[in-house]
Amino acid sequence: MLLLKTTLCLTIAAALVNFWLGMRCGQVRSAEKISVGDGGNELLMRRMRAQANFVEQAPITLLLFGLVEAAGRGTWWLAPLGAAFILGRICHGFGMDGNFKAGRPIGMATGMLAQLVLMIVGLMAVLGY
C-alpha cells in the first residue's frame, strides 16, 4: 500500500484549519444570534468567505501534493511547501477579519506559489523530466 505521509499530514492540517475557520464563523453566529446566512454582519461575511475560499483552494492543492508525492517527485521541498501553504491559509483567515491586512495577500501568494510549483513538477513528471 502506498502511504503518502506528507500529503496525509497536510490533509490533517488542512482539516484542522477548516475546523478552525468554521468555529470562527460559529463564534460570530452565536454572539450575534445569526442562524442562517450572514445577517448583514460584515465580520461574519468576511469569516464565511475565508472558509469558502479555503474550501475552494485546498482540495486541488492537496490533490496536487498527493499526485506529486505519488509520482516520487516530492523530495525534501514538499513538506516545507505544504507548511507554507497551511500557514498562508491561516494568515488568510486572520487577514479576512481586516485587522491583519497583510494576511490576505500572504495567503493568496503562498497558495498560488504552491499550486504553481506543484503544477510545474507534475507536468515535468508527466513529460518524463
C-alpha atoms as a PDB file:
ATOM      1  CA  MET A   1       0.000   0.000   0.000  1.00  0.00           C
ATOM      2  CA  LEU A   2       1.287   3.423  -0.952  1.00  0.00           C
ATOM      3  CA  LEU A   3       1.340   5.756   2.046  1.00  0.00           C
ATOM      4  CA  LEU A   4       1.674   9.419   1.147  1.00  0.00           C
ATOM      5  CA  LYS A   5       2.888  10.641   4.529  1.00  0.00           C
ATOM      6  CA  THR A   6       3.447  14.265   3.582  1.00  0.00           C
ATOM      7  CA  THR A   7       0.069  14.574   1.889  1.00  0.00           C
ATOM      8  CA  LEU A   8      -1.640  12.807   4.786  1.00  0.00           C
ATOM      9  CA  CYS A   9      -0.067  15.228   7.271  1.00  0.00           C
ATOM     10  CA  LEU A  10      -1.029  18.204   5.105  1.00  0.00           C
ATOM     11  CA  THR A  11      -4.597  16.942   4.772  1.00  0.00           C
ATOM     12  CA  ILE A  12      -4.869  16.560   8.544  1.00  0.00           C
ATOM     13  CA  ALA A  13      -3.524  20.106   8.958  1.00  0.00           C
ATOM     14  CA  ALA A  14      -5.985  21.355   6.330  1.00  0.00           C
ATOM     15  CA  ALA A  15      -8.870  19.670   8.158  1.00  0.00           C
ATOM     16  CA  LEU A  16      -7.794  21.446  11.348  1.00  0.00           C
ATOM     17  CA  VAL A  17      -7.662  24.793   9.528  1.00  0.00           C
ATOM     18  CA  ASN A  18     -11.125  24.175   8.064  1.00  0.00           C
ATOM     19  CA  PHE A  19     -12.434  23.271  11.535  1.00  0.00           C
ATOM     20  CA  TRP A  20     -10.879  26.446  12.973  1.00  0.00           C
ATOM     21  CA  LEU A  21     -12.360  28.605  10.203  1.00  0.00           C
ATOM     22  CA  GLY A  22     -15.789  27.075  10.831  1.00  0.00           C
ATOM     23  CA  MET A  23     -15.503  27.670  14.582  1.00  0.00           C
ATOM     24  CA  ARG A  24     -14.664  31.326  13.922  1.00  0.00           C
ATOM     25  CA  CYS A  25     -17.888  31.652  11.920  1.00  0.00           C
ATOM     26  CA  GLY A  26     -19.768  29.893  14.711  1.00  0.00           C
ATOM     27  CA  GLN A  27     -18.440  32.337  17.307  1.00  0.00           C
ATOM     28  CA  VAL A  28     -19.916  35.293  15.435  1.00  0.00           C
ATOM     29  CA  ARG A  29     -23.159  33.422  14.710  1.00  0.00           C
ATOM     30  CA  SER A  30     -23.570  32.594  18.391  1.00  0.00           C
ATOM     31  CA  ALA A  31     -22.697  36.074  19.656  1.00  0.00           C
ATOM     32  CA  GLU A  32     -24.933  37.825  17.109  1.00  0.00           C
ATOM     33  CA  LYS A  33     -27.696  35.163  17.116  1.00  0.00           C
ATOM     34  CA  ILE A  34     -27.476  34.623  13.346  1.00  0.00           C
ATOM     35  CA  SER A  35     -28.730  31.181  12.345  1.00  0.00           C
ATOM     36  CA  VAL A  36     -28.761  31.304   8.539  1.00  0.00           C
ATOM     37  CA  GLY A  37     -26.782  33.431   6.101  1.00  0.00           C
ATOM     38  CA  ASP A  38     -24.649  36.334   7.239  1.00  0.00           C
ATOM     39  CA  GLY A  39     -27.400  38.520   8.714  1.00  0.00           C
ATOM     40  CA  GLY A  40     -25.717  41.568   7.202  1.00  0.00           C
ATOM     41  CA  ASN A  41     -22.876  41.179   9.705  1.00  0.00           C
ATOM     42  CA  GLU A  42     -19.641  42.190   7.981  1.00  0.00           C
ATOM     43  CA  LEU A  43     -17.368  40.166  10.269  1.00  0.00           C
ATOM     44  CA  LEU A  44     -19.434  37.020   9.691  1.00  0.00           C
ATOM     45  CA  MET A  45     -19.454  37.714   5.949  1.00  0.00           C
ATOM     46  CA  ARG A  46     -15.652  38.001   5.957  1.00  0.00           C
ATOM     47  CA  ARG A  47     -15.200  34.835   8.006  1.00  0.00           C
ATOM     48  CA  MET A  48     -17.608  32.901   5.806  1.00  0.00           C
ATOM     49  CA  ARG A  49     -15.652  33.996   2.716  1.00  0.00           C
ATOM     50  CA  ALA A  50     -12.381  32.989   4.364  1.00  0.00           C
ATOM     51  CA  GLN A  51     -13.736  29.488   4.945  1.00  0.00           C
ATOM     52  CA  ALA A  52     -15.332  29.300   1.494  1.00  0.00           C
ATOM     53  CA  ASN A  53     -12.078  30.397  -0.135  1.00  0.00           C
ATOM     54  CA  PHE A  54     -10.234  27.718   1.814  1.00  0.00           C
ATOM     55  CA  VAL A  55     -12.732  25.095   0.662  1.00  0.00           C
ATOM     56  CA  GLU A  56     -12.285  26.316  -2.927  1.00  0.00           C
ATOM     57  CA  GLN A  57      -8.473  26.271  -2.886  1.00  0.00           C
ATOM     58  CA  ALA A  58      -7.437  23.445  -0.556  1.00  0.00           C
ATOM     59  CA  PRO A  59      -8.819  20.400  -2.439  1.00  0.00           C
ATOM     60  CA  ILE A  60      -6.982  20.981  -5.735  1.00  0.00           C
ATOM     61  CA  THR A  61      -3.813  21.946  -3.886  1.00  0.00           C
ATOM     62  CA  LEU A  62      -3.925  18.822  -1.702  1.00  0.00           C
ATOM     63  CA  LEU A  63      -4.624  16.703  -4.784  1.00  0.00           C
ATOM     64  CA  LEU A  64      -1.544  18.167  -6.466  1.00  0.00           C
ATOM     65  CA  PHE A  65       0.538  17.463  -3.345  1.00  0.00           C
ATOM     66  CA  GLY A  66      -0.658  13.857  -3.339  1.00  0.00           C
ATOM     67  CA  LEU A  67      -0.082  13.236  -7.025  1.00  0.00           C
ATOM     68  CA  VAL A  68       3.391  14.789  -6.959  1.00  0.00           C
ATOM     69  CA  GLU A  69       4.268  12.696  -3.906  1.00  0.00           C
ATOM     70  CA  ALA A  70       2.827   9.533  -5.518  1.00  0.00           C
ATOM     71  CA  ALA A  71       4.890  10.238  -8.647  1.00  0.00           C
ATOM     72  CA  GLY A  72       8.001  10.128  -6.474  1.00  0.00           C
ATOM     73  CA  ARG A  73       8.762  13.799  -7.072  1.00  0.00           C
ATOM     74  CA  GLY A  74       8.149  15.003  -3.528  1.00  0.00           C
ATOM     75  CA  THR A  75      11.628  15.245  -2.068  1.00  0.00           C
ATOM     76  CA  TRP A  76      12.900  17.478   0.740  1.00  0.00           C
ATOM     77  CA  TRP A  77      10.931  20.512  -0.504  1.00  0.00           C
ATOM     78  CA  LEU A  78       7.413  19.046  -0.406  1.00  0.00           C
ATOM     79  CA  ALA A  79       6.784  19.309   3.349  1.00  0.00           C
ATOM     80  CA  PRO A  80       8.110  22.891   3.663  1.00  0.00           C
ATOM     81  CA  LEU A  81       5.980  23.943   0.686  1.00  0.00           C
ATOM     82  CA  GLY A  82       2.995  22.307   2.355  1.00  0.00           C
ATOM     83  CA  ALA A  83       3.738  24.058   5.640  1.00  0.00           C
ATOM     84  CA  ALA A  84       3.925  27.393   3.798  1.00  0.00           C
ATOM     85  CA  PHE A  85       0.559  26.650   2.158  1.00  0.00           C
ATOM     86  CA  ILE A  86      -1.089  25.819   5.509  1.00  0.00           C
ATOM     87  CA  LEU A  87       0.459  28.810   7.312  1.00  0.00           C
ATOM     88  CA  GLY A  88      -0.590  31.016   4.413  1.00  0.00           C
ATOM     89  CA  ARG A  89      -4.180  29.833   4.734  1.00  0.00           C
ATOM     90  CA  ILE A  90      -4.112  30.659   8.450  1.00  0.00           C
ATOM     91  CA  CYS A  91      -2.780  34.133   7.604  1.00  0.00           C
ATOM     92  CA  HIS A  92      -5.563  34.477   5.027  1.00  0.00           C
ATOM     93  CA  GLY A  93      -8.164  33.633   7.671  1.00  0.00           C
ATOM     94  CA  PHE A  94      -6.861  36.317  10.014  1.00  0.00           C
ATOM     95  CA  GLY A  95      -6.413  38.740   7.128  1.00  0.00           C
ATOM     96  CA  MET A  96     -10.037  38.425   6.099  1.00  0.00           C
ATOM     97  CA  ASP A  97     -11.062  39.827   9.503  1.00  0.00           C
ATOM     98  CA  GLY A  98      -9.495  43.107   8.407  1.00  0.00           C
ATOM     99  CA  ASN A  99      -7.159  43.552  11.392  1.00  0.00           C
ATOM    100  CA  PHE A 100      -4.150  41.798   9.825  1.00  0.00           C
ATOM    101  CA  LYS A 101      -4.244  43.326   6.369  1.00  0.00           C
ATOM    102  CA  ALA A 102      -1.101  41.543   5.142  1.00  0.00           C
ATOM    103  CA  GLY A 103      -2.663  38.156   5.930  1.00  0.00           C
ATOM    104  CA  ARG A 104      -4.908  38.014   2.908  1.00  0.00           C
ATOM    105  CA  PRO A 105      -2.207  38.659   0.279  1.00  0.00           C
ATOM    106  CA  ILE A 106       0.197  36.358   2.155  1.00  0.00           C
ATOM    107  CA  GLY A 107      -2.385  33.583   1.994  1.00  0.00           C
ATOM    108  CA  MET A 108      -3.144  34.215  -1.654  1.00  0.00           C
ATOM    109  CA  ALA A 109       0.542  34.316  -2.602  1.00  0.00           C
ATOM    110  CA  THR A 110       1.501  31.137  -0.747  1.00  0.00           C
ATOM    111  CA  GLY A 111      -1.450  29.285  -2.248  1.00  0.00           C
ATOM    112  CA  MET A 112      -0.639  30.411  -5.776  1.00  0.00           C
ATOM    113  CA  LEU A 113       3.059  29.655  -5.309  1.00  0.00           C
ATOM    114  CA  ALA A 114       2.320  26.148  -4.011  1.00  0.00           C
ATOM    115  CA  GLN A 115      -0.032  25.420  -6.902  1.00  0.00           C
ATOM    116  CA  LEU A 116       2.405  26.789  -9.472  1.00  0.00           C
ATOM    117  CA  VAL A 117       5.345  24.752  -8.145  1.00  0.00           C
ATOM    118  CA  LEU A 118       3.235  21.591  -7.932  1.00  0.00           C
ATOM    119  CA  MET A 119       1.835  22.073 -11.448  1.00  0.00           C
ATOM    120  CA  ILE A 120       5.325  22.506 -12.896  1.00  0.00           C
ATOM    121  CA  VAL A 121       6.741  19.492 -11.043  1.00  0.00           C
ATOM    122  CA  GLY A 122       3.704  17.408 -12.001  1.00  0.00           C
ATOM    123  CA  LEU A 123       3.989  18.382 -15.650  1.00  0.00           C
ATOM    124  CA  MET A 124       7.696  17.554 -15.610  1.00  0.00           C
ATOM    125  CA  ALA A 125       6.841  14.107 -14.206  1.00  0.00           C
ATOM    126  CA  VAL A 126       4.264  13.527 -16.948  1.00  0.00           C
ATOM    127  CA  LEU A 127       6.761  14.566 -19.627  1.00  0.00           C
ATOM    128  CA  GLY A 128       9.481  12.362 -18.163  1.00  0.00           C
ATOM    129  CA  TYR A 129      11.837  15.052 -16.895  1.00  0.00           C
END
